Amino acid sequence: MKSADPAHVITAARSWLGTPYHDQASLRGVGCDCLGLARGVWREVVGPEPFPIPPYSRDWGETGPREVLADGTRRMMTELHRSEAGPGALILFRMMPRAIAKHVGILTGPDSFLHAYERLGVIEEPLTPAWRRRIAFAFLFPAR
């Protein structure tokens, strides 16, 4: 599968900067959560979403061994080892040790990423060692 141009992915993601945080939303400038941001970038870079996202609770990833987010992402994106992820890659984070991955971001540079964060909305920030340690999975957006 051919991958999308990383510069196009980053431009699309940055167009969401300043969008307020809102659970389960995916409307640029209106509101989104981290998954909604990824969905919006997908629509701009790849096209229509391949399947509907079912409603989810705020604590959906707090229990259970199944990597729900990673499993779903594998169905439509190319997975790579997290150490190979570069600008334009979608990254999934474990927010707590031994928990499943449930937070999504997009790398914008070797040491920066963009994500939707509660109370802050869509922001771009440094990929600090604390964030880098939490990366569990990395994927490439496919070309249109």
C-alpha atoms as a PDB file:
ATOM      1  CA  MET A   1       0.000   0.000   0.000  1.00  0.00           C
ATOM      2  CA  LYS A   2       1.404   3.383  -1.017  1.00  0.00           C
ATOM      3  CA  SER A   3       1.631   5.922   1.829  1.00  0.00           C
ATOM      4  CA  ALA A   4       0.299   9.463   1.798  1.00  0.00           C
ATOM      5  CA  ASP A   5       2.731  12.354   1.438  1.00  0.00           C
ATOM      6  CA  PRO A   6       3.847  13.243   5.004  1.00  0.00           C
ATOM      7  CA  ALA A   7       3.803  16.976   4.195  1.00  0.00           C
ATOM      8  CA  HIS A   8       0.149  16.687   3.149  1.00  0.00           C
ATOM      9  CA  VAL A   9      -0.709  14.813   6.368  1.00  0.00           C
ATOM     10  CA  ILE A  10       1.030  17.479   8.484  1.00  0.00           C
ATOM     11  CA  THR A  11      -0.645  20.370   6.639  1.00  0.00           C
ATOM     12  CA  ALA A  12      -4.041  18.711   7.081  1.00  0.00           C
ATOM     13  CA  ALA A  13      -3.372  18.066  10.786  1.00  0.00           C
ATOM     14  CA  ARG A  14      -2.178  21.639  11.430  1.00  0.00           C
ATOM     15  CA  SER A  15      -5.368  22.991   9.888  1.00  0.00           C
ATOM     16  CA  TRP A  16      -7.098  21.606  13.017  1.00  0.00           C
ATOM     17  CA  LEU A  17      -4.954  23.654  15.443  1.00  0.00           C
ATOM     18  CA  GLY A  18      -7.137  25.545  17.901  1.00  0.00           C
ATOM     19  CA  THR A  19     -10.168  23.278  17.425  1.00  0.00           C
ATOM     20  CA  PRO A  20     -11.784  22.896  20.872  1.00  0.00           C
ATOM     21  CA  TYR A  21     -11.811  19.526  22.599  1.00  0.00           C
ATOM     22  CA  HIS A  22     -15.149  17.719  22.432  1.00  0.00           C
ATOM     23  CA  ASP A  23     -15.718  14.006  23.097  1.00  0.00           C
ATOM     24  CA  GLN A  24     -16.564  11.933  20.012  1.00  0.00           C
ATOM     25  CA  ALA A  25     -16.671  14.976  17.696  1.00  0.00           C
ATOM     26  CA  SER A  26     -14.751  15.377  14.442  1.00  0.00           C
ATOM     27  CA  LEU A  27     -15.479  18.857  13.047  1.00  0.00           C
ATOM     28  CA  ARG A  28     -12.530  21.153  12.322  1.00  0.00           C
ATOM     29  CA  GLY A  29     -12.885  24.469  14.129  1.00  0.00           C
ATOM     30  CA  VAL A  30     -15.935  23.218  16.053  1.00  0.00           C
ATOM     31  CA  GLY A  31     -14.748  20.301  18.193  1.00  0.00           C
ATOM     32  CA  CYS A  32     -12.927  16.977  18.251  1.00  0.00           C
ATOM     33  CA  ASP A  33     -11.237  14.488  20.495  1.00  0.00           C
ATOM     34  CA  CYS A  34      -7.963  12.763  19.571  1.00  0.00           C
ATOM     35  CA  LEU A  35      -9.704  10.103  17.468  1.00  0.00           C
ATOM     36  CA  GLY A  36     -11.877  12.755  15.827  1.00  0.00           C
ATOM     37  CA  LEU A  37      -8.734  14.642  14.824  1.00  0.00           C
ATOM     38  CA  ALA A  38      -7.317  11.500  13.176  1.00  0.00           C
ATOM     39  CA  ARG A  39     -10.649  10.886  11.442  1.00  0.00           C
ATOM     40  CA  GLY A  40     -10.710  14.445  10.103  1.00  0.00           C
ATOM     41  CA  VAL A  41      -7.157  14.184   8.790  1.00  0.00           C
ATOM     42  CA  TRP A  42      -8.073  10.839   7.190  1.00  0.00           C
ATOM     43  CA  ARG A  43     -11.027  12.452   5.364  1.00  0.00           C
ATOM     44  CA  GLU A  44      -8.808  15.201   3.971  1.00  0.00           C
ATOM     45  CA  VAL A  45      -5.801  13.041   3.073  1.00  0.00           C
ATOM     46  CA  VAL A  46      -7.404   9.714   2.099  1.00  0.00           C
ATOM     47  CA  GLY A  47     -11.136  10.275   1.525  1.00  0.00           C
ATOM     48  CA  PRO A  48     -14.349   9.033   3.128  1.00  0.00           C
ATOM     49  CA  GLU A  49     -14.013   7.030   6.314  1.00  0.00           C
ATOM     50  CA  PRO A  50     -14.134   3.283   5.548  1.00  0.00           C
ATOM     51  CA  PHE A  51     -16.485   2.403   8.401  1.00  0.00           C
ATOM     52  CA  PRO A  52     -18.486   4.200  11.098  1.00  0.00           C
ATOM     53  CA  ILE A  53     -16.940   4.593  14.544  1.00  0.00           C
ATOM     54  CA  PRO A  54     -19.317   3.271  17.199  1.00  0.00           C
ATOM     55  CA  PRO A  55     -20.016   5.446  20.254  1.00  0.00           C
ATOM     56  CA  TYR A  56     -17.415   5.047  22.987  1.00  0.00           C
ATOM     57  CA  SER A  57     -17.204   6.070  26.625  1.00  0.00           C
ATOM     58  CA  ARG A  58     -14.454   8.219  28.119  1.00  0.00           C
ATOM     59  CA  ASP A  59     -13.105   5.213  30.002  1.00  0.00           C
ATOM     60  CA  TRP A  60     -13.391   2.703  27.121  1.00  0.00           C
ATOM     61  CA  GLY A  61      -9.740   1.683  27.274  1.00  0.00           C
ATOM     62  CA  GLU A  62      -9.312   1.440  31.013  1.00  0.00           C
ATOM     63  CA  THR A  63      -9.901  -2.296  31.222  1.00  0.00           C
ATOM     64  CA  GLY A  64      -9.420  -5.343  29.064  1.00  0.00           C
ATOM     65  CA  PRO A  65      -6.435  -6.801  27.229  1.00  0.00           C
ATOM     66  CA  ARG A  66      -7.561  -6.143  23.637  1.00  0.00           C
ATOM     67  CA  GLU A  67      -5.860  -3.318  21.727  1.00  0.00           C
ATOM     68  CA  VAL A  68      -9.123  -2.051  20.230  1.00  0.00           C
ATOM     69  CA  LEU A  69      -7.697   1.146  18.727  1.00  0.00           C
ATOM     70  CA  ALA A  70      -4.585  -0.523  17.295  1.00  0.00           C
ATOM     71  CA  ASP A  71      -6.614  -3.437  15.898  1.00  0.00           C
ATOM     72  CA  GLY A  72      -9.003  -1.066  14.130  1.00  0.00           C
ATOM     73  CA  THR A  73      -6.181   1.074  12.777  1.00  0.00           C
ATOM     74  CA  ARG A  74      -4.406  -1.981  11.349  1.00  0.00           C
ATOM     75  CA  ARG A  75      -7.451  -2.620   9.180  1.00  0.00           C
ATOM     76  CA  MET A  76      -6.830   0.523   7.156  1.00  0.00           C
ATOM     77  CA  MET A  77      -3.283   1.796   7.688  1.00  0.00           C
ATOM     78  CA  THR A  78       0.242   0.432   7.321  1.00  0.00           C
ATOM     79  CA  GLU A  79       1.829  -0.376  10.680  1.00  0.00           C
ATOM     80  CA  LEU A  80       5.495   0.282  11.313  1.00  0.00           C
ATOM     81  CA  HIS A  81       7.695  -0.121  14.336  1.00  0.00           C
ATOM     82  CA  ARG A  82       7.364   2.891  16.602  1.00  0.00           C
ATOM     83  CA  SER A  83      11.096   3.575  16.290  1.00  0.00           C
ATOM     84  CA  GLU A  84      10.620   4.016  12.513  1.00  0.00           C
ATOM     85  CA  ALA A  85       7.819   6.579  12.839  1.00  0.00           C
ATOM     86  CA  GLY A  86       8.585   9.912  11.250  1.00  0.00           C
ATOM     87  CA  PRO A  87       6.716  13.115  10.444  1.00  0.00           C
ATOM     88  CA  GLY A  88       3.218  12.416   9.161  1.00  0.00           C
ATOM     89  CA  ALA A  89       2.836   9.141  11.079  1.00  0.00           C
ATOM     90  CA  LEU A  90      -0.166   8.446  13.271  1.00  0.00           C
ATOM     91  CA  ILE A  91       0.988   7.380  16.723  1.00  0.00           C
ATOM     92  CA  LEU A  92      -0.972   5.649  19.473  1.00  0.00           C
ATOM     93  CA  PHE A  93      -0.064   6.234  23.096  1.00  0.00           C
ATOM     94  CA  ARG A  94      -0.487   4.202  26.271  1.00  0.00           C
ATOM     95  CA  MET A  95      -1.487   6.758  28.873  1.00  0.00           C
ATOM     96  CA  MET A  96      -0.658   4.414  31.749  1.00  0.00           C
ATOM     97  CA  PRO A  97       1.867   1.565  31.967  1.00  0.00           C
ATOM     98  CA  ARG A  98       0.369  -1.803  31.006  1.00  0.00           C
ATOM     99  CA  ALA A  99      -2.850  -0.134  29.810  1.00  0.00           C
ATOM    100  CA  ILE A 100      -4.023  -0.428  26.222  1.00  0.00           C
ATOM    101  CA  ALA A 101      -3.251   2.377  23.776  1.00  0.00           C
ATOM    102  CA  LYS A 102      -6.076   4.902  23.756  1.00  0.00           C
ATOM    103  CA  HIS A 103      -4.643   8.290  22.773  1.00  0.00           C
ATOM    104  CA  VAL A 104      -3.847   9.371  19.215  1.00  0.00           C
ATOM    105  CA  GLY A 105      -1.416  11.922  17.815  1.00  0.00           C
ATOM    106  CA  ILE A 106       0.267  12.808  14.539  1.00  0.00           C
ATOM    107  CA  LEU A 107       4.010  13.402  14.319  1.00  0.00           C
ATOM    108  CA  THR A 108       4.767  16.818  12.804  1.00  0.00           C
ATOM    109  CA  GLY A 109       8.539  16.641  13.118  1.00  0.00           C
ATOM    110  CA  PRO A 110      11.220  14.455  14.659  1.00  0.00           C
ATOM    111  CA  ASP A 111      10.506  15.969  18.074  1.00  0.00           C
ATOM    112  CA  SER A 112       6.957  17.364  17.815  1.00  0.00           C
ATOM    113  CA  PHE A 113       3.423  16.072  17.494  1.00  0.00           C
ATOM    114  CA  LEU A 114      -0.126  17.308  17.253  1.00  0.00           C
ATOM    115  CA  HIS A 115      -3.085  15.947  19.216  1.00  0.00           C
ATOM    116  CA  ALA A 116      -6.429  16.874  20.757  1.00  0.00           C
ATOM    117  CA  TYR A 117      -6.116  17.116  24.495  1.00  0.00           C
ATOM    118  CA  GLU A 118      -8.880  17.619  27.035  1.00  0.00           C
ATOM    119  CA  ARG A 119      -9.274  21.273  28.102  1.00  0.00           C
ATOM    120  CA  LEU A 120      -6.632  22.391  25.562  1.00  0.00           C
ATOM    121  CA  GLY A 121      -8.152  21.329  22.240  1.00  0.00           C
ATOM    122  CA  VAL A 122      -5.904  20.616  19.270  1.00  0.00           C
ATOM    123  CA  ILE A 123      -2.336  21.619  20.063  1.00  0.00           C
ATOM    124  CA  GLU A 124       1.135  20.986  18.701  1.00  0.00           C
ATOM    125  CA  GLU A 125       3.789  20.346  21.290  1.00  0.00           C
ATOM    126  CA  PRO A 126       7.253  18.873  21.827  1.00  0.00           C
ATOM    127  CA  LEU A 127       7.534  15.098  21.820  1.00  0.00           C
ATOM    128  CA  THR A 128       9.204  15.034  25.214  1.00  0.00           C
ATOM    129  CA  PRO A 129      10.815  11.879  26.630  1.00  0.00           C
ATOM    130  CA  ALA A 130       7.661  11.365  28.733  1.00  0.00           C
ATOM    131  CA  TRP A 131       5.436  11.387  25.615  1.00  0.00           C
ATOM    132  CA  ARG A 132       7.932   9.367  23.554  1.00  0.00           C
ATOM    133  CA  ARG A 133       7.949   6.571  26.191  1.00  0.00           C
ATOM    134  CA  ARG A 134       4.165   6.273  25.861  1.00  0.00           C
ATOM    135  CA  ILE A 135       4.184   5.556  22.103  1.00  0.00           C
ATOM    136  CA  ALA A 136       2.890   2.025  21.618  1.00  0.00           C
ATOM    137  CA  PHE A 137       2.078   1.865  17.892  1.00  0.00           C
ATOM    138  CA  ALA A 138       2.764   3.828  14.703  1.00  0.00           C
ATOM    139  CA  PHE A 139       0.975   3.817  11.360  1.00  0.00           C
ATOM    140  CA  LEU A 140       1.171   5.523   7.968  1.00  0.00           C
ATOM    141  CA  PHE A 141      -1.832   7.091   6.286  1.00  0.00           C
ATOM    142  CA  PRO A 142      -2.436   5.443   2.888  1.00  0.00           C
ATOM    143  CA  ALA A 143      -2.352   7.450  -0.318  1.00  0.00           C
ATOM    144  CA  ARG A 144      -5.735   8.433  -1.742  1.00  0.00           C
END
